[in-house]
Amino acid sequence: MSTQTLALAILFIPMAIIITYMDVKYRRIPNKMVLVTLIGGIALNTIFEGTHGLLLSLGGFGLAFGVTLFFHTFGTMGAGDVKLFGAIGAVSGISLVLPTLLVVAITGGLLAIVKMIYSGRARATMFGVFQFFYGLLPGQTVPRFDIPADRSHTLPYAVPICFGSVLTFLLFHA
């Protein structure tokens, strides 16, 4: 394991644990923790790789933020999740944003299925999924989903974001 990977892990893994805990307990992702992750990722990548590391980190932030902002516009992802994924992009760099997004999507999908079955909302959830994908067809409109008043029906998405990101980080960096 390189010194850079170790330094990034020392920054990222504790932040991921704290952010996950805060989202599960309070349903909020603290901006200060996200900012520490963002600045730390940019700083460490710049220290170890110079201008190239800075560009990879900023590119990772931009791509991760942009992709997840797309999902936010349709109400399928919260603003805190978008900022968090952007910060994770700054830590991992542009080359790992899409693999991380894939692992996070798979992790989130599995957790959402478990949550959906556990809460007894399989039918309503699957109808919403159908509406979303139908809205992607030409000539259709993608619906905007409101956050349910009963937050027990939602998944604190920092859990799959942080778990999937740490998993991807360890797989590709270690």
C-alpha atoms as a PDB file:
ATOM      1  CA  MET A   1       0.000   0.000   0.000  1.00  0.00           C
ATOM      2  CA  SER A   2       1.453   3.351  -1.022  1.00  0.00           C
ATOM      3  CA  THR A   3       1.845   6.276   1.354  1.00  0.00           C
ATOM      4  CA  GLN A   4      -0.759   8.198  -0.645  1.00  0.00           C
ATOM      5  CA  THR A   5      -3.290   5.380  -0.351  1.00  0.00           C
ATOM      6  CA  LEU A   6      -2.647   5.089   3.383  1.00  0.00           C
ATOM      7  CA  ALA A   7      -3.055   8.849   3.889  1.00  0.00           C
ATOM      8  CA  LEU A   8      -6.302   8.873   1.882  1.00  0.00           C
ATOM      9  CA  ALA A   9      -7.593   5.862   3.843  1.00  0.00           C
ATOM     10  CA  ILE A  10      -6.782   7.541   7.173  1.00  0.00           C
ATOM     11  CA  LEU A  11      -8.820  10.552   6.037  1.00  0.00           C
ATOM     12  CA  PHE A  12     -11.633   8.805   4.201  1.00  0.00           C
ATOM     13  CA  ILE A  13     -12.580   5.733   6.239  1.00  0.00           C
ATOM     14  CA  PRO A  14     -13.208   7.541   9.580  1.00  0.00           C
ATOM     15  CA  MET A  15     -15.134  10.285   7.744  1.00  0.00           C
ATOM     16  CA  ALA A  16     -17.264   7.642   6.004  1.00  0.00           C
ATOM     17  CA  ILE A  17     -18.067   5.980   9.338  1.00  0.00           C
ATOM     18  CA  ILE A  18     -19.005   9.274  11.008  1.00  0.00           C
ATOM     19  CA  ILE A  19     -21.095  10.456   8.045  1.00  0.00           C
ATOM     20  CA  THR A  20     -22.917   7.114   7.863  1.00  0.00           C
ATOM     21  CA  TYR A  21     -23.685   7.246  11.584  1.00  0.00           C
ATOM     22  CA  MET A  22     -24.970  10.831  11.344  1.00  0.00           C
ATOM     23  CA  ASP A  23     -27.218  10.039   8.374  1.00  0.00           C
ATOM     24  CA  VAL A  24     -28.678   6.944  10.034  1.00  0.00           C
ATOM     25  CA  LYS A  25     -29.198   8.641  13.409  1.00  0.00           C
ATOM     26  CA  TYR A  26     -30.235  12.181  12.353  1.00  0.00           C
ATOM     27  CA  ARG A  27     -31.028  11.769   8.618  1.00  0.00           C
ATOM     28  CA  ARG A  28     -28.554  14.569   7.887  1.00  0.00           C
ATOM     29  CA  ILE A  29     -25.119  14.533   6.291  1.00  0.00           C
ATOM     30  CA  PRO A  30     -23.035  17.174   8.080  1.00  0.00           C
ATOM     31  CA  ASN A  31     -21.636  19.734   5.638  1.00  0.00           C
ATOM     32  CA  LYS A  32     -18.535  20.155   7.813  1.00  0.00           C
ATOM     33  CA  MET A  33     -17.660  16.468   7.446  1.00  0.00           C
ATOM     34  CA  VAL A  34     -18.232  16.607   3.704  1.00  0.00           C
ATOM     35  CA  LEU A  35     -16.073  19.731   3.466  1.00  0.00           C
ATOM     36  CA  VAL A  36     -13.256  18.072   5.440  1.00  0.00           C
ATOM     37  CA  THR A  37     -13.442  15.078   3.081  1.00  0.00           C
ATOM     38  CA  LEU A  38     -13.440  17.320  -0.003  1.00  0.00           C
ATOM     39  CA  ILE A  39     -10.564  19.559   1.090  1.00  0.00           C
ATOM     40  CA  GLY A  40      -8.599  16.616   2.492  1.00  0.00           C
ATOM     41  CA  GLY A  41      -8.980  14.632  -0.737  1.00  0.00           C
ATOM     42  CA  ILE A  42      -7.889  17.563  -2.904  1.00  0.00           C
ATOM     43  CA  ALA A  43      -5.000  18.436  -0.574  1.00  0.00           C
ATOM     44  CA  LEU A  44      -3.652  14.893  -0.247  1.00  0.00           C
ATOM     45  CA  ASN A  45      -3.889  14.153  -3.955  1.00  0.00           C
ATOM     46  CA  THR A  46      -2.114  17.463  -4.680  1.00  0.00           C
ATOM     47  CA  ILE A  47       0.604  16.848  -2.084  1.00  0.00           C
ATOM     48  CA  PHE A  48       1.383  13.385  -3.443  1.00  0.00           C
ATOM     49  CA  GLU A  49       0.906  13.948  -7.178  1.00  0.00           C
ATOM     50  CA  GLY A  50       1.269  17.699  -7.666  1.00  0.00           C
ATOM     51  CA  THR A  51      -0.738  19.424 -10.375  1.00  0.00           C
ATOM     52  CA  HIS A  52      -1.720  16.085 -11.910  1.00  0.00           C
ATOM     53  CA  GLY A  53      -3.223  14.978  -8.573  1.00  0.00           C
ATOM     54  CA  LEU A  54      -5.034  18.296  -8.233  1.00  0.00           C
ATOM     55  CA  LEU A  55      -6.583  17.912 -11.682  1.00  0.00           C
ATOM     56  CA  LEU A  56      -7.573  14.282 -11.053  1.00  0.00           C
ATOM     57  CA  SER A  57      -9.137  15.264  -7.742  1.00  0.00           C
ATOM     58  CA  LEU A  58     -11.030  18.266  -9.148  1.00  0.00           C
ATOM     59  CA  GLY A  59     -12.146  16.168 -12.124  1.00  0.00           C
ATOM     60  CA  GLY A  60     -13.374  13.468  -9.742  1.00  0.00           C
ATOM     61  CA  PHE A  61     -15.295  16.055  -7.759  1.00  0.00           C
ATOM     62  CA  GLY A  62     -16.850  17.575 -10.886  1.00  0.00           C
ATOM     63  CA  LEU A  63     -17.866  14.278 -12.468  1.00  0.00           C
ATOM     64  CA  ALA A  64     -19.235  12.797  -9.239  1.00  0.00           C
ATOM     65  CA  PHE A  65     -21.112  15.982  -8.372  1.00  0.00           C
ATOM     66  CA  GLY A  66     -22.522  16.349 -11.880  1.00  0.00           C
ATOM     67  CA  VAL A  67     -23.739  12.774 -12.233  1.00  0.00           C
ATOM     68  CA  THR A  68     -25.454  12.741  -8.849  1.00  0.00           C
ATOM     69  CA  LEU A  69     -26.897  16.243  -9.392  1.00  0.00           C
ATOM     70  CA  PHE A  70     -28.766  14.732 -12.346  1.00  0.00           C
ATOM     71  CA  PHE A  71     -30.447  12.256  -9.969  1.00  0.00           C
ATOM     72  CA  HIS A  72     -31.150  15.028  -7.469  1.00  0.00           C
ATOM     73  CA  THR A  73     -33.095  17.021 -10.071  1.00  0.00           C
ATOM     74  CA  PHE A  74     -35.621  14.173 -10.235  1.00  0.00           C
ATOM     75  CA  GLY A  75     -35.882  13.847  -6.456  1.00  0.00           C
ATOM     76  CA  THR A  76     -34.221  10.438  -6.316  1.00  0.00           C
ATOM     77  CA  MET A  77     -31.231  11.669  -4.316  1.00  0.00           C
ATOM     78  CA  GLY A  78     -30.879  14.322  -1.628  1.00  0.00           C
ATOM     79  CA  ALA A  79     -28.622  17.366  -1.833  1.00  0.00           C
ATOM     80  CA  GLY A  80     -26.449  16.033   0.991  1.00  0.00           C
ATOM     81  CA  ASP A  81     -25.894  12.832  -0.965  1.00  0.00           C
ATOM     82  CA  VAL A  82     -24.820  14.865  -4.004  1.00  0.00           C
ATOM     83  CA  LYS A  83     -22.301  16.878  -1.982  1.00  0.00           C
ATOM     84  CA  LEU A  84     -21.020  13.727  -0.287  1.00  0.00           C
ATOM     85  CA  PHE A  85     -20.489  11.907  -3.567  1.00  0.00           C
ATOM     86  CA  GLY A  86     -18.701  14.961  -4.961  1.00  0.00           C
ATOM     87  CA  ALA A  87     -16.324  14.928  -1.991  1.00  0.00           C
ATOM     88  CA  ILE A  88     -15.742  11.204  -2.470  1.00  0.00           C
ATOM     89  CA  GLY A  89     -14.908  11.911  -6.107  1.00  0.00           C
ATOM     90  CA  ALA A  90     -12.248  14.351  -4.921  1.00  0.00           C
ATOM     91  CA  VAL A  91     -10.730  11.640  -2.712  1.00  0.00           C
ATOM     92  CA  SER A  92     -10.834   8.828  -5.279  1.00  0.00           C
ATOM     93  CA  GLY A  93     -10.075  10.853  -8.395  1.00  0.00           C
ATOM     94  CA  ILE A  94     -11.836  10.957 -11.735  1.00  0.00           C
ATOM     95  CA  SER A  95     -10.852   7.420 -12.803  1.00  0.00           C
ATOM     96  CA  LEU A  96     -12.753   5.797  -9.924  1.00  0.00           C
ATOM     97  CA  VAL A  97     -15.948   7.883 -10.029  1.00  0.00           C
ATOM     98  CA  LEU A  98     -17.866   5.613 -12.420  1.00  0.00           C
ATOM     99  CA  PRO A  99     -16.742   2.314 -10.823  1.00  0.00           C
ATOM    100  CA  THR A 100     -17.645   3.797  -7.431  1.00  0.00           C
ATOM    101  CA  LEU A 101     -21.031   4.894  -8.736  1.00  0.00           C
ATOM    102  CA  LEU A 102     -21.672   1.369 -10.011  1.00  0.00           C
ATOM    103  CA  VAL A 103     -20.738  -0.255  -6.671  1.00  0.00           C
ATOM    104  CA  VAL A 104     -22.805   2.356  -4.777  1.00  0.00           C
ATOM    105  CA  ALA A 105     -25.799   1.730  -7.062  1.00  0.00           C
ATOM    106  CA  ILE A 106     -25.589  -2.035  -6.537  1.00  0.00           C
ATOM    107  CA  THR A 107     -25.153  -1.616  -2.770  1.00  0.00           C
ATOM    108  CA  GLY A 108     -27.977   0.919  -2.627  1.00  0.00           C
ATOM    109  CA  GLY A 109     -30.236  -1.298  -4.712  1.00  0.00           C
ATOM    110  CA  LEU A 110     -29.685  -4.291  -2.454  1.00  0.00           C
ATOM    111  CA  LEU A 111     -30.278  -2.220   0.687  1.00  0.00           C
ATOM    112  CA  ALA A 112     -33.368  -0.622  -0.880  1.00  0.00           C
ATOM    113  CA  ILE A 113     -34.832  -4.049  -1.672  1.00  0.00           C
ATOM    114  CA  VAL A 114     -34.296  -5.168   1.903  1.00  0.00           C
ATOM    115  CA  LYS A 115     -35.802  -1.905   3.238  1.00  0.00           C
ATOM    116  CA  MET A 116     -38.732  -2.105   0.811  1.00  0.00           C
ATOM    117  CA  ILE A 117     -39.599  -5.669   1.825  1.00  0.00           C
ATOM    118  CA  TYR A 118     -39.064  -4.978   5.531  1.00  0.00           C
ATOM    119  CA  SER A 119     -41.339  -1.909   5.502  1.00  0.00           C
ATOM    120  CA  GLY A 120     -44.044  -3.599   3.389  1.00  0.00           C
ATOM    121  CA  ARG A 121     -43.858  -0.990   0.611  1.00  0.00           C
ATOM    122  CA  ALA A 122     -42.825  -3.205  -2.291  1.00  0.00           C
ATOM    123  CA  ARG A 123     -45.825  -2.355  -4.485  1.00  0.00           C
ATOM    124  CA  ALA A 124     -45.620   1.441  -4.003  1.00  0.00           C
ATOM    125  CA  THR A 125     -41.861   1.450  -4.476  1.00  0.00           C
ATOM    126  CA  MET A 126     -41.942  -0.652  -7.626  1.00  0.00           C
ATOM    127  CA  PHE A 127     -44.660   1.604  -9.068  1.00  0.00           C
ATOM    128  CA  GLY A 128     -42.386   4.627  -8.463  1.00  0.00           C
ATOM    129  CA  VAL A 129     -39.488   2.831 -10.170  1.00  0.00           C
ATOM    130  CA  PHE A 130     -41.740   2.036 -13.134  1.00  0.00           C
ATOM    131  CA  GLN A 131     -42.851   5.694 -13.339  1.00  0.00           C
ATOM    132  CA  PHE A 132     -39.246   6.882 -13.332  1.00  0.00           C
ATOM    133  CA  PHE A 133     -38.119   4.566 -16.128  1.00  0.00           C
ATOM    134  CA  TYR A 134     -41.285   5.167 -18.155  1.00  0.00           C
ATOM    135  CA  GLY A 135     -40.568   8.895 -17.876  1.00  0.00           C
ATOM    136  CA  LEU A 136     -37.184   8.329 -19.529  1.00  0.00           C
ATOM    137  CA  LEU A 137     -38.861   7.177 -22.756  1.00  0.00           C
ATOM    138  CA  PRO A 138     -39.034   9.674 -25.650  1.00  0.00           C
ATOM    139  CA  GLY A 139     -42.005  12.010 -25.344  1.00  0.00           C
ATOM    140  CA  GLN A 140     -42.557  11.239 -21.665  1.00  0.00           C
ATOM    141  CA  THR A 141     -41.782  13.311 -18.586  1.00  0.00           C
ATOM    142  CA  VAL A 142     -39.749  11.980 -15.677  1.00  0.00           C
ATOM    143  CA  PRO A 143     -41.791  12.540 -12.512  1.00  0.00           C
ATOM    144  CA  ARG A 144     -40.359  14.468  -9.570  1.00  0.00           C
ATOM    145  CA  PHE A 145     -40.688  12.442  -6.381  1.00  0.00           C
ATOM    146  CA  ASP A 146     -41.337  14.114  -3.047  1.00  0.00           C
ATOM    147  CA  ILE A 147     -39.657  12.840   0.090  1.00  0.00           C
ATOM    148  CA  PRO A 148     -42.237  10.920   2.147  1.00  0.00           C
ATOM    149  CA  ALA A 149     -43.312  12.572   5.383  1.00  0.00           C
ATOM    150  CA  ASP A 150     -42.610   9.292   7.184  1.00  0.00           C
ATOM    151  CA  ARG A 151     -38.815   9.071   6.862  1.00  0.00           C
ATOM    152  CA  SER A 152     -38.885   5.434   7.986  1.00  0.00           C
ATOM    153  CA  HIS A 153     -39.871   4.627   4.394  1.00  0.00           C
ATOM    154  CA  THR A 154     -36.654   6.099   2.994  1.00  0.00           C
ATOM    155  CA  LEU A 155     -33.114   4.779   2.945  1.00  0.00           C
ATOM    156  CA  PRO A 156     -30.399   7.001   4.456  1.00  0.00           C
ATOM    157  CA  TYR A 157     -28.338   6.907   1.274  1.00  0.00           C
ATOM    158  CA  ALA A 158     -25.060   7.784   2.977  1.00  0.00           C
ATOM    159  CA  VAL A 159     -24.993   4.121   4.023  1.00  0.00           C
ATOM    160  CA  PRO A 160     -24.597   2.698   0.490  1.00  0.00           C
ATOM    161  CA  ILE A 161     -22.593   5.732  -0.670  1.00  0.00           C
ATOM    162  CA  CYS A 162     -20.018   5.370   2.093  1.00  0.00           C
ATOM    163  CA  PHE A 163     -19.985   1.565   2.141  1.00  0.00           C
ATOM    164  CA  GLY A 164     -19.733   1.279  -1.637  1.00  0.00           C
ATOM    165  CA  SER A 165     -17.112   4.027  -1.826  1.00  0.00           C
ATOM    166  CA  VAL A 166     -14.931   2.492   0.865  1.00  0.00           C
ATOM    167  CA  LEU A 167     -15.296  -0.915  -0.790  1.00  0.00           C
ATOM    168  CA  THR A 168     -14.296   0.524  -4.184  1.00  0.00           C
ATOM    169  CA  PHE A 169     -11.431   2.476  -2.612  1.00  0.00           C
ATOM    170  CA  LEU A 170     -10.058  -0.646  -0.935  1.00  0.00           C
ATOM    171  CA  LEU A 171     -10.487  -2.793  -4.055  1.00  0.00           C
ATOM    172  CA  PHE A 172      -8.771  -0.367  -6.423  1.00  0.00           C
ATOM    173  CA  HIS A 173      -6.241   1.344  -4.137  1.00  0.00           C
ATOM    174  CA  ALA A 174      -5.047  -1.454  -1.865  1.00  0.00           C
END
